[in-house]
Amino acid sequence: MNLTLIPILVLVAVIIFSGIFIVKQQTAVIIESFGKFSNIRQSGLQFKIPIVQRIAGRVSLKIQQLDVIVETKTLDDVFTKLKVSVQYVIHKDKVYDAFYKLEYPHDQITSYVFDVVRAEVPKMKLDDVFVKKDDIAIAVKSELQEAMTNYGFTIIKTLVTDIDPDAQVKEAMNRINASEREKIAAQFEGDAARILIVEKAKAEAESKRLQGQGIADQRREIARGLEESVDVLNNVGINSQEASALIVVTQHYDTLQSIGEETNSNLILLPNSPQAGSDMLNNMIASFTASNQIGEAMKEQNAKKGIVNKKKGPSTSDNS
């Protein structure tokens, strides 16, 4: 073989192989002939005429996302940044429009997002921006869909993914939220304390009532026991005064015995002679007798006053 043919064969092979290319899945390739649009090639092994045709560009048919950060002012004069994520796709049948009609599609989409956000957010207060972020996203999608359809773009979804007010505003909002929660906590604590006080008062009242009932029952049983003791002593020939003295003395010594049985009791000095019981009984009887005499005297005095008033009554009426 002539050595001069080798470079020619190599050049021919390079030219042939340059006409072979591969298009990936979900991708479209724009082919131009001498700078003029020729056709669109889809995924797979493709051929083009070397030198005459060239690949003008590749267009992705996958769903793409563009994140746009917009700084704007709310109705209550708070500056905030919104991050809007636009998900879009190029329609398979409109690759020509998407490639040739728009030079910079990302810039075009960004401009529409800025325009819509800065038209909608200034109508809302900051709190409403957080609540109605879906309304903002719907407005952006509606505007973009109407504008970008003619260029072969389909808007899949728009999302307001972040709302970032000024740092001082966020700190103030956190303080407000913390204050509200502290207020609610204080109210619950106050209600709990009030319920505790009321329930404690009810418990104390119930305790006092039961305690009073117990004391009354105790005194009733003591009186019944004393009555039975006096009746028993009367049956053996002991009169009521002697029986009462005997009972008082017995209780006196029972009390001393119970005090002596308590190891931790404090020292209490009481009269412990047999005469002490008799003295106490005599003092009680004297008190009862004096009380009865005073009561009888008051009754007699009231009766005399009533008779006098009755006598004065008719004479006064006759004079009138």
Foldseek 3Di string as FASTA:
>chain_A
DDPVCVVVVVVVVVQQVVQKDFAAAQKKWFKAFVNHTDDIDHGGIGGDHGPGMDTPDMDGQDWDKDWAWEWEAALVGFIKIWIKIWIKGFDPVQPVLQPPVDPDVNVVLNVLLRVLCRVPRNDHDPVVCVVCVVVSFVSSQVSCQVPCVRSRMHTDGMGRPDMGTDPVVVVVVVVVVVVVVVVVVVVVVVVVVVVVVVVVVVVVVVVVVVVVVVVVVVVVVVVVVLVVQQVVVVVVPDHNLRSQLVVQLVVVVVVVVVQVVDPPDDDDDDDNDSVVSVVVSVVVVVVVVVVVVVVVVVVVVVVVVVVVVVVVVVVVVVVD
